[in-house]
Amino acid sequence: MQIWTGLGNPGPRYALHRHNVGFMACDVIGEAHDFGPVQKKFQGWVQEGRIGTEKVLLLKPATFMNESGRSVAEAMRFYKLEPDALTVFHDELDLAPFKVKVRMGGGLAGHNGLRSINQHLGPDFRRVRIGIGHPGHKDRVTGHVLGNFAKAEMDDLADMLGAMASEASWLAEGDDARFMNDVALRMQD
């Protein structure tokens, strides 16, 4: 079993924030792969399903970004999973908008959701980094991250999320390179 966690903040006022792109990824993956109904569990919302032959639990922590690790750690303990069974979908300032990169472990890049998970589980989990671009100056980062995607970005956002959902089987199988490549190819079309 794998746990795929999307990071974001709960509530309608945050729904289209760049910081919530992890939540968006989980929603689209769950819908595209006919996951079960949303249930409240592990201080968040979960959906169970299969991607290929792999059983996957989608988890959206309801703890707010800075406490995401509480929810994730609770689910990991319940299923007795090690950190290598965890994939975290999150926004990434240091990637161009709508670029998707996957890596195992690594730094936290000032991301409070990742920091919280790291505090609870350590750094050895897979991250799907979803580019939101940098606003150019560090004083503008908070407004950028906590701002909505612009109307002009909506088509690219939908295309990227759809590409990630379409290629999710590669991620489930552990072929991160193929996942990244195929998502990038779909984004070029």
C-alpha atoms as a PDB file:
ATOM      1  CA  MET A   1       0.000   0.000   0.000  1.00  0.00           C
ATOM      2  CA  GLN A   2       1.096   3.551  -0.721  1.00  0.00           C
ATOM      3  CA  ILE A   3      -0.040   6.850   0.787  1.00  0.00           C
ATOM      4  CA  TRP A   4      -0.142   9.806  -1.573  1.00  0.00           C
ATOM      5  CA  THR A   5      -0.543  13.065   0.325  1.00  0.00           C
ATOM      6  CA  GLY A   6      -1.454  16.363  -1.261  1.00  0.00           C
ATOM      7  CA  LEU A   7      -0.476  19.424   0.724  1.00  0.00           C
ATOM      8  CA  GLY A   8      -2.755  22.424   1.085  1.00  0.00           C
ATOM      9  CA  ASN A   9      -4.930  24.381   3.464  1.00  0.00           C
ATOM     10  CA  PRO A  10      -8.548  23.365   4.116  1.00  0.00           C
ATOM     11  CA  GLY A  11     -11.506  25.554   3.263  1.00  0.00           C
ATOM     12  CA  PRO A  12     -12.998  27.234   0.203  1.00  0.00           C
ATOM     13  CA  ARG A  13     -11.035  30.479   0.583  1.00  0.00           C
ATOM     14  CA  TYR A  14      -7.771  28.579  -0.033  1.00  0.00           C
ATOM     15  CA  ALA A  15      -9.069  26.308  -2.807  1.00  0.00           C
ATOM     16  CA  LEU A  16      -7.331  28.003  -5.758  1.00  0.00           C
ATOM     17  CA  HIS A  17      -4.182  29.132  -3.925  1.00  0.00           C
ATOM     18  CA  ARG A  18      -0.902  28.057  -5.499  1.00  0.00           C
ATOM     19  CA  HIS A  19      -0.056  26.546  -2.083  1.00  0.00           C
ATOM     20  CA  ASN A  20      -3.013  24.143  -2.562  1.00  0.00           C
ATOM     21  CA  VAL A  21      -1.843  22.544  -5.803  1.00  0.00           C
ATOM     22  CA  GLY A  22      -1.083  19.331  -3.858  1.00  0.00           C
ATOM     23  CA  PHE A  23      -4.751  19.094  -2.833  1.00  0.00           C
ATOM     24  CA  MET A  24      -5.733  19.710  -6.459  1.00  0.00           C
ATOM     25  CA  ALA A  25      -3.456  16.886  -7.646  1.00  0.00           C
ATOM     26  CA  CYS A  26      -5.072  14.409  -5.216  1.00  0.00           C
ATOM     27  CA  ASP A  27      -8.565  15.467  -6.276  1.00  0.00           C
ATOM     28  CA  VAL A  28      -7.848  14.969  -9.985  1.00  0.00           C
ATOM     29  CA  ILE A  29      -6.014  11.658  -9.458  1.00  0.00           C
ATOM     30  CA  GLY A  30      -8.867  10.327  -7.311  1.00  0.00           C
ATOM     31  CA  GLU A  31     -11.449  11.331  -9.889  1.00  0.00           C
ATOM     32  CA  ALA A  32      -9.495  10.021 -12.895  1.00  0.00           C
ATOM     33  CA  HIS A  33      -8.915   6.620 -11.275  1.00  0.00           C
ATOM     34  CA  ASP A  34     -12.417   6.155  -9.807  1.00  0.00           C
ATOM     35  CA  PHE A  35     -11.330   6.195  -6.170  1.00  0.00           C
ATOM     36  CA  GLY A  36     -13.922   5.579  -3.478  1.00  0.00           C
ATOM     37  CA  PRO A  37     -15.862   8.287  -1.669  1.00  0.00           C
ATOM     38  CA  VAL A  38     -14.095  10.869   0.476  1.00  0.00           C
ATOM     39  CA  GLN A  39     -14.002   9.930   4.162  1.00  0.00           C
ATOM     40  CA  LYS A  40     -12.873  11.940   7.183  1.00  0.00           C
ATOM     41  CA  LYS A  41      -9.933  10.098   8.769  1.00  0.00           C
ATOM     42  CA  PHE A  42      -6.433  10.739  10.138  1.00  0.00           C
ATOM     43  CA  GLN A  43      -7.200  14.442  10.749  1.00  0.00           C
ATOM     44  CA  GLY A  44      -7.886  14.841   7.050  1.00  0.00           C
ATOM     45  CA  TRP A  45      -9.819  13.535   4.068  1.00  0.00           C
ATOM     46  CA  VAL A  46      -8.991  10.192   2.482  1.00  0.00           C
ATOM     47  CA  GLN A  47      -9.996   8.257  -0.610  1.00  0.00           C
ATOM     48  CA  GLU A  48      -9.024   4.660  -1.287  1.00  0.00           C
ATOM     49  CA  GLY A  49      -8.435   3.160  -4.684  1.00  0.00           C
ATOM     50  CA  ARG A  50      -6.103   1.389  -7.059  1.00  0.00           C
ATOM     51  CA  ILE A  51      -3.752   2.700  -9.662  1.00  0.00           C
ATOM     52  CA  GLY A  52      -2.732  -0.245 -11.791  1.00  0.00           C
ATOM     53  CA  THR A  53      -2.035  -3.059  -9.354  1.00  0.00           C
ATOM     54  CA  GLU A  54      -1.122  -0.744  -6.480  1.00  0.00           C
ATOM     55  CA  LYS A  55      -3.455   0.112  -3.621  1.00  0.00           C
ATOM     56  CA  VAL A  56      -3.226   3.850  -2.940  1.00  0.00           C
ATOM     57  CA  LEU A  57      -4.677   5.970  -0.156  1.00  0.00           C
ATOM     58  CA  LEU A  58      -5.036   9.629  -1.134  1.00  0.00           C
ATOM     59  CA  LEU A  59      -4.753  11.878   1.933  1.00  0.00           C
ATOM     60  CA  LYS A  60      -5.441  15.600   2.197  1.00  0.00           C
ATOM     61  CA  PRO A  61      -4.537  16.760   5.731  1.00  0.00           C
ATOM     62  CA  ALA A  62      -7.119  19.087   7.309  1.00  0.00           C
ATOM     63  CA  THR A  63      -4.550  20.312   9.839  1.00  0.00           C
ATOM     64  CA  PHE A  64      -3.442  23.343   7.791  1.00  0.00           C
ATOM     65  CA  MET A  65      -0.121  23.289   5.975  1.00  0.00           C
ATOM     66  CA  ASN A  66       2.170  23.872   8.963  1.00  0.00           C
ATOM     67  CA  GLU A  67       0.825  20.802  10.808  1.00  0.00           C
ATOM     68  CA  SER A  68       0.518  18.402   7.832  1.00  0.00           C
ATOM     69  CA  GLY A  69       2.925  15.951   9.477  1.00  0.00           C
ATOM     70  CA  ARG A  70       0.457  15.148  12.270  1.00  0.00           C
ATOM     71  CA  SER A  71      -2.118  13.827   9.804  1.00  0.00           C
ATOM     72  CA  VAL A  72       0.416  12.027   7.603  1.00  0.00           C
ATOM     73  CA  ALA A  73       2.189  10.378  10.548  1.00  0.00           C
ATOM     74  CA  GLU A  74      -1.144   9.154  11.953  1.00  0.00           C
ATOM     75  CA  ALA A  75      -2.015   7.447   8.643  1.00  0.00           C
ATOM     76  CA  MET A  76       1.487   5.973   8.297  1.00  0.00           C
ATOM     77  CA  ARG A  77       1.356   4.538  11.825  1.00  0.00           C
ATOM     78  CA  PHE A  78      -2.142   3.118  11.311  1.00  0.00           C
ATOM     79  CA  TYR A  79      -1.027   1.171   8.219  1.00  0.00           C
ATOM     80  CA  LYS A  80       2.427   0.391   9.708  1.00  0.00           C
ATOM     81  CA  LEU A  81       4.191   1.869   6.671  1.00  0.00           C
ATOM     82  CA  GLU A  82       7.738   3.114   6.311  1.00  0.00           C
ATOM     83  CA  PRO A  83       8.488   6.556   4.802  1.00  0.00           C
ATOM     84  CA  ASP A  84       9.345   5.004   1.422  1.00  0.00           C
ATOM     85  CA  ALA A  85       5.608   4.209   0.995  1.00  0.00           C
ATOM     86  CA  LEU A  86       4.801   7.936   1.157  1.00  0.00           C
ATOM     87  CA  THR A  87       4.540  10.329  -1.796  1.00  0.00           C
ATOM     88  CA  VAL A  88       3.899  14.016  -1.093  1.00  0.00           C
ATOM     89  CA  PHE A  89       2.517  16.356  -3.771  1.00  0.00           C
ATOM     90  CA  HIS A  90       3.438  19.984  -3.076  1.00  0.00           C
ATOM     91  CA  ASP A  91       3.992  23.404  -4.607  1.00  0.00           C
ATOM     92  CA  GLU A  92       7.586  24.305  -5.488  1.00  0.00           C
ATOM     93  CA  LEU A  93       8.750  27.926  -5.849  1.00  0.00           C
ATOM     94  CA  ASP A  94      12.061  26.941  -7.439  1.00  0.00           C
ATOM     95  CA  LEU A  95      10.459  25.249 -10.448  1.00  0.00           C
ATOM     96  CA  ALA A  96       8.959  27.026 -13.443  1.00  0.00           C
ATOM     97  CA  PRO A  97       5.154  27.105 -13.393  1.00  0.00           C
ATOM     98  CA  PHE A  98       3.554  23.754 -14.285  1.00  0.00           C
ATOM     99  CA  LYS A  99       6.839  21.819 -14.376  1.00  0.00           C
ATOM    100  CA  VAL A 100       6.704  18.549 -12.421  1.00  0.00           C
ATOM    101  CA  LYS A 101       9.748  16.911 -10.848  1.00  0.00           C
ATOM    102  CA  VAL A 102       9.988  13.887  -8.562  1.00  0.00           C
ATOM    103  CA  ARG A 103      12.724  13.141  -6.084  1.00  0.00           C
ATOM    104  CA  MET A 104      13.335  10.971  -3.065  1.00  0.00           C
ATOM    105  CA  GLY A 105      14.290  12.852   0.067  1.00  0.00           C
ATOM    106  CA  GLY A 106      16.169  16.108  -0.113  1.00  0.00           C
ATOM    107  CA  GLY A 107      15.882  19.536   1.420  1.00  0.00           C
ATOM    108  CA  LEU A 108      12.780  21.359   2.543  1.00  0.00           C
ATOM    109  CA  ALA A 109      13.262  24.589   0.535  1.00  0.00           C
ATOM    110  CA  GLY A 110      11.486  26.577   3.276  1.00  0.00           C
ATOM    111  CA  HIS A 111       8.236  24.633   2.749  1.00  0.00           C
ATOM    112  CA  ASN A 112       6.385  24.398   6.074  1.00  0.00           C
ATOM    113  CA  GLY A 113       4.300  21.384   5.033  1.00  0.00           C
ATOM    114  CA  LEU A 114       7.430  19.419   4.151  1.00  0.00           C
ATOM    115  CA  ARG A 115       9.105  20.620   7.351  1.00  0.00           C
ATOM    116  CA  SER A 116       6.194  19.277   9.416  1.00  0.00           C
ATOM    117  CA  ILE A 117       6.271  15.870   7.695  1.00  0.00           C
ATOM    118  CA  ASN A 118      10.059  15.749   8.091  1.00  0.00           C
ATOM    119  CA  GLN A 119       9.697  16.416  11.844  1.00  0.00           C
ATOM    120  CA  HIS A 120       7.280  13.495  12.211  1.00  0.00           C
ATOM    121  CA  LEU A 121       8.783  10.959   9.774  1.00  0.00           C
ATOM    122  CA  GLY A 122      12.247  12.090   8.703  1.00  0.00           C
ATOM    123  CA  PRO A 123      13.315  13.161   5.187  1.00  0.00           C
ATOM    124  CA  ASP A 124      13.175   9.840   3.321  1.00  0.00           C
ATOM    125  CA  PHE A 125       9.892  10.173   1.441  1.00  0.00           C
ATOM    126  CA  ARG A 126       9.161  10.805  -2.222  1.00  0.00           C
ATOM    127  CA  ARG A 127       8.173  14.307  -3.275  1.00  0.00           C
ATOM    128  CA  VAL A 128       6.278  15.315  -6.400  1.00  0.00           C
ATOM    129  CA  ARG A 129       7.341  18.934  -6.788  1.00  0.00           C
ATOM    130  CA  ILE A 130       4.821  21.010  -8.735  1.00  0.00           C
ATOM    131  CA  GLY A 131       6.253  24.228 -10.083  1.00  0.00           C
ATOM    132  CA  ILE A 132       4.512  27.486  -9.239  1.00  0.00           C
ATOM    133  CA  GLY A 133       7.427  29.760 -10.182  1.00  0.00           C
ATOM    134  CA  HIS A 134       9.112  32.398  -8.046  1.00  0.00           C
ATOM    135  CA  PRO A 135       7.673  35.941  -7.953  1.00  0.00           C
ATOM    136  CA  GLY A 136      11.182  37.394  -8.313  1.00  0.00           C
ATOM    137  CA  HIS A 137      11.768  38.851  -4.857  1.00  0.00           C
ATOM    138  CA  LYS A 138      11.592  37.168  -1.461  1.00  0.00           C
ATOM    139  CA  ASP A 139       9.305  39.899  -0.100  1.00  0.00           C
ATOM    140  CA  ARG A 140       6.629  38.821  -2.595  1.00  0.00           C
ATOM    141  CA  VAL A 141       6.808  35.056  -1.886  1.00  0.00           C
ATOM    142  CA  THR A 142       4.025  34.877   0.720  1.00  0.00           C
ATOM    143  CA  GLY A 143       1.534  36.782  -1.448  1.00  0.00           C
ATOM    144  CA  HIS A 144       2.467  34.643  -4.459  1.00  0.00           C
ATOM    145  CA  VAL A 145       2.160  31.302  -2.670  1.00  0.00           C
ATOM    146  CA  LEU A 146      -1.041  32.287  -0.866  1.00  0.00           C
ATOM    147  CA  GLY A 147      -2.518  33.887  -3.973  1.00  0.00           C
ATOM    148  CA  ASN A 148      -4.897  32.260  -6.422  1.00  0.00           C
ATOM    149  CA  PHE A 149      -3.750  30.969  -9.769  1.00  0.00           C
ATOM    150  CA  ALA A 150      -4.492  33.662 -12.352  1.00  0.00           C
ATOM    151  CA  LYS A 151      -7.337  33.163 -14.837  1.00  0.00           C
ATOM    152  CA  ALA A 152      -4.733  33.026 -17.625  1.00  0.00           C
ATOM    153  CA  GLU A 153      -3.077  30.043 -15.876  1.00  0.00           C
ATOM    154  CA  MET A 154      -6.201  27.898 -15.512  1.00  0.00           C
ATOM    155  CA  ASP A 155      -5.828  25.990 -18.789  1.00  0.00           C
ATOM    156  CA  ASP A 156      -2.170  25.168 -18.056  1.00  0.00           C
ATOM    157  CA  LEU A 157      -3.099  24.143 -14.509  1.00  0.00           C
ATOM    158  CA  ALA A 158      -5.856  21.828 -15.766  1.00  0.00           C
ATOM    159  CA  ASP A 159      -3.545  20.366 -18.431  1.00  0.00           C
ATOM    160  CA  MET A 160      -0.794  19.678 -15.879  1.00  0.00           C
ATOM    161  CA  LEU A 161      -3.151  18.086 -13.331  1.00  0.00           C
ATOM    162  CA  GLY A 162      -4.733  15.971 -16.073  1.00  0.00           C
ATOM    163  CA  ALA A 163      -1.293  14.858 -17.298  1.00  0.00           C
ATOM    164  CA  MET A 164      -0.270  13.886 -13.763  1.00  0.00           C
ATOM    165  CA  ALA A 165      -3.450  11.843 -13.302  1.00  0.00           C
ATOM    166  CA  SER A 166      -3.055  10.168 -16.711  1.00  0.00           C
ATOM    167  CA  GLU A 167       0.534   9.145 -15.974  1.00  0.00           C
ATOM    168  CA  ALA A 168      -0.001   8.239 -12.288  1.00  0.00           C
ATOM    169  CA  SER A 169       0.472   4.520 -12.966  1.00  0.00           C
ATOM    170  CA  TRP A 170       4.193   5.163 -13.557  1.00  0.00           C
ATOM    171  CA  LEU A 171       4.407   6.846 -10.173  1.00  0.00           C
ATOM    172  CA  ALA A 172       2.571   3.940  -8.517  1.00  0.00           C
ATOM    173  CA  GLU A 173       5.046   1.493 -10.103  1.00  0.00           C
ATOM    174  CA  GLY A 174       8.005   3.552  -8.876  1.00  0.00           C
ATOM    175  CA  ASP A 175       9.132   4.651 -12.351  1.00  0.00           C
ATOM    176  CA  ASP A 176       9.607   8.308 -11.436  1.00  0.00           C
ATOM    177  CA  ALA A 177      11.651   9.096 -14.565  1.00  0.00           C
ATOM    178  CA  ARG A 178       8.939   7.766 -16.891  1.00  0.00           C
ATOM    179  CA  PHE A 179       6.279   9.688 -14.935  1.00  0.00           C
ATOM    180  CA  MET A 180       8.194  12.977 -15.259  1.00  0.00           C
ATOM    181  CA  ASN A 181       8.983  12.366 -18.931  1.00  0.00           C
ATOM    182  CA  ASP A 182       5.430  11.456 -19.900  1.00  0.00           C
ATOM    183  CA  VAL A 183       3.907  14.376 -17.977  1.00  0.00           C
ATOM    184  CA  ALA A 184       6.346  16.729 -19.737  1.00  0.00           C
ATOM    185  CA  LEU A 185       5.458  15.240 -23.131  1.00  0.00           C
ATOM    186  CA  ARG A 186       1.735  15.694 -22.491  1.00  0.00           C
ATOM    187  CA  MET A 187       2.367  19.331 -21.507  1.00  0.00           C
ATOM    188  CA  GLN A 188       4.062  19.975 -24.880  1.00  0.00           C
ATOM    189  CA  ASP A 189       1.012  18.879 -26.892  1.00  0.00           C
END
